[in-house]
Each structure stands twice: as C-alpha cells, then as structure tokens.
Amino acid sequence: QVLLVESGGALVQAGGSLRLSCAAWGINFRIHTMDWYRQAPGKQREWVARITSGSNTTYADSVKGRFTISRDNINRRLFLQMNSLGPEDTAVYYCTTEWRARDYWGQGTQVTVSS
C-alpha cells in the first residue's frame, strides 16, 4: 500500500519561511519522481515543483527562486523549503507520485501566510 504523509504546514507571517516534509511508504522511493502541488481556496490545484530520481529539479514560475525541493532517499522523505512567503502562497500543499499508472496523493498540509 502506497502512503504519502505531508507535515510542516503552519501559520507564518509574510516574508517568513517554512519547510514541508512528505514521508513515503510502500514504494521504492529512490526511483520515483516526486511532485509538490498546492491548492488555494476557491482555486484549482496547481503544480509547484518536481524532483526526479536523479535529483533534477523544476519549479513553477510563481515559486522559482523562493522554493527548493529536495529529497532524502535513505529516509524516504521529500522536502519543500519555502522562503520569502507571501499571502499568495496560502494553500494546502500536497506531495504526489505516480506508480503503476496511478497517481498517489497525500492528505495535504495547510500553509497560511498572513500579510
């Protein structure tokens, strides 16, 4: 059974930082491309960042230069370091991966940025 569990969301002031974590079970984590998505209230889910098995990274333009995705294959964890947060970053953040033609999502972690 594949299980993804996000943590690290919080209420933070604008300009602050947070580090999100996603723990993974049930997959050979080191070979998986992993993504972070987010969904703000009343908006569609939005892709944020990706890291491949070789640790190549890509980012949405809206977070480039502020967010950093990384992974710890030994402990099967995915991270999202978020700096210079603004109210526009307020959302539920999800980690996700694909395995055997199916997408798996965590339950999400809430990030709220106050102005």
Protein backbone atom coordinates (compact mmCIF):
# COMPACT_ATOMS: atom_id res chain seq x y z
CA GLN A 1 0.00 0.00 0.00
CA VAL A 2 1.33 3.39 -1.02
CA LEU A 3 1.08 6.07 1.64
CA LEU A 4 2.25 9.68 1.48
CA VAL A 5 2.05 11.87 4.57
CA GLU A 6 2.81 15.58 4.50
CA SER A 7 3.74 17.68 7.51
CA GLY A 8 5.22 21.03 8.38
CA GLY A 9 2.39 23.36 7.41
CA ALA A 10 1.73 26.29 9.70
CA LEU A 11 0.63 29.88 10.03
CA VAL A 12 3.51 32.20 9.16
CA GLN A 13 3.92 35.91 8.56
CA ALA A 14 4.70 37.26 5.13
CA GLY A 15 8.40 37.12 4.44
CA GLY A 16 8.84 34.06 6.58
CA SER A 17 9.93 30.54 5.78
CA LEU A 18 8.63 27.01 6.20
CA ARG A 19 9.93 23.57 5.41
CA LEU A 20 7.41 20.97 4.37
CA SER A 21 8.08 17.28 4.57
CA CYS A 22 6.47 14.28 2.90
CA ALA A 23 7.10 10.77 4.17
CA ALA A 24 6.56 7.89 1.76
CA TRP A 25 5.76 4.23 2.36
CA GLY A 26 5.01 1.37 0.01
CA ILE A 27 7.17 2.49 -2.89
CA ASN A 28 10.82 2.20 -3.86
CA PHE A 29 11.18 5.89 -3.09
CA ARG A 30 14.60 6.41 -4.65
CA ILE A 31 13.39 5.63 -8.18
CA HIS A 32 10.31 7.85 -8.09
CA THR A 33 9.86 11.30 -9.49
CA MET A 34 8.08 13.31 -6.81
CA ASP A 35 6.00 16.45 -7.11
CA TRP A 36 4.58 19.11 -4.85
CA TYR A 37 1.22 20.66 -5.69
CA ARG A 38 -0.88 23.21 -3.86
CA GLN A 39 -4.49 24.25 -3.81
CA ALA A 40 -5.61 27.65 -2.63
CA PRO A 41 -9.19 28.29 -1.50
CA GLY A 42 -11.51 28.52 -4.49
CA LYS A 43 -8.75 27.70 -6.98
CA GLN A 44 -7.65 24.68 -8.94
CA ARG A 45 -4.80 22.53 -7.75
CA GLU A 46 -1.50 23.98 -9.02
CA TRP A 47 1.80 22.25 -9.68
CA VAL A 48 4.65 23.71 -7.61
CA ALA A 49 7.84 21.70 -8.06
CA ARG A 50 9.30 18.39 -9.22
CA ILE A 51 12.34 16.34 -8.38
CA THR A 52 13.41 13.31 -10.40
CA SER A 53 15.12 10.17 -9.18
CA GLY A 54 18.37 11.79 -10.26
CA SER A 55 17.53 14.89 -8.21
CA ASN A 56 16.92 17.12 -11.20
CA THR A 57 14.50 19.85 -10.18
CA THR A 58 11.97 22.09 -11.89
CA TYR A 59 9.73 24.79 -10.49
CA ALA A 60 6.63 26.75 -11.31
CA ASP A 61 7.47 30.32 -12.26
CA SER A 62 5.50 31.57 -9.27
CA VAL A 63 7.89 29.92 -6.80
CA LYS A 64 11.18 29.86 -8.70
CA GLY A 65 13.98 31.37 -6.65
CA ARG A 66 11.98 31.13 -3.42
CA PHE A 67 11.20 27.42 -3.04
CA THR A 68 13.60 24.48 -3.08
CA ILE A 69 12.56 20.86 -3.50
CA SER A 70 14.85 18.14 -2.20
CA ARG A 71 14.79 14.50 -1.20
CA ASP A 72 16.31 12.11 1.30
CA ASN A 73 16.25 8.66 -0.27
CA ILE A 74 17.59 6.89 2.81
CA ASN A 75 14.69 8.07 4.96
CA ARG A 76 12.17 8.13 2.09
CA ARG A 77 11.35 11.79 2.56
CA LEU A 78 10.57 14.64 0.23
CA PHE A 79 11.03 18.27 1.28
CA LEU A 80 9.94 21.70 0.17
CA GLN A 81 11.86 24.63 1.61
CA MET A 82 9.76 27.75 1.17
CA ASN A 83 11.30 31.20 1.66
CA SER A 84 10.01 34.74 1.22
CA LEU A 85 6.47 33.53 1.66
CA GLY A 86 3.61 35.79 0.69
CA PRO A 87 -0.18 35.63 1.12
CA GLU A 88 -0.40 34.21 -2.40
CA ASP A 89 1.34 31.07 -1.13
CA THR A 90 -1.53 30.29 1.21
CA ALA A 91 -2.79 26.85 0.22
CA VAL A 92 -2.96 23.20 1.12
CA TYR A 93 0.26 21.59 -0.10
CA TYR A 94 0.33 18.01 -1.39
CA CYS A 95 3.06 15.61 -2.37
CA THR A 96 2.35 13.15 -5.13
CA THR A 97 3.90 10.42 -7.21
CA GLU A 98 2.87 8.00 -9.90
CA TRP A 99 3.21 4.24 -9.63
CA ARG A 100 1.82 1.56 -11.90
CA ALA A 101 -0.20 4.09 -13.90
CA ARG A 102 -1.88 5.52 -10.83
CA ASP A 103 -1.30 8.84 -9.07
CA TYR A 104 -0.93 8.80 -5.29
CA TRP A 105 -1.53 11.87 -3.12
CA GLY A 106 -1.04 12.67 0.50
CA GLN A 107 -3.72 14.26 2.65
CA GLY A 108 -2.09 17.67 2.42
CA THR A 109 -0.70 20.16 4.89
CA GLN A 110 -2.08 23.67 5.36
CA VAL A 111 0.17 26.68 4.84
CA THR A 112 -1.29 30.06 5.76
CA VAL A 113 0.67 33.25 5.21
CA SER A 114 -0.58 36.36 6.94
CA SER A 115 0.10 39.79 5.50
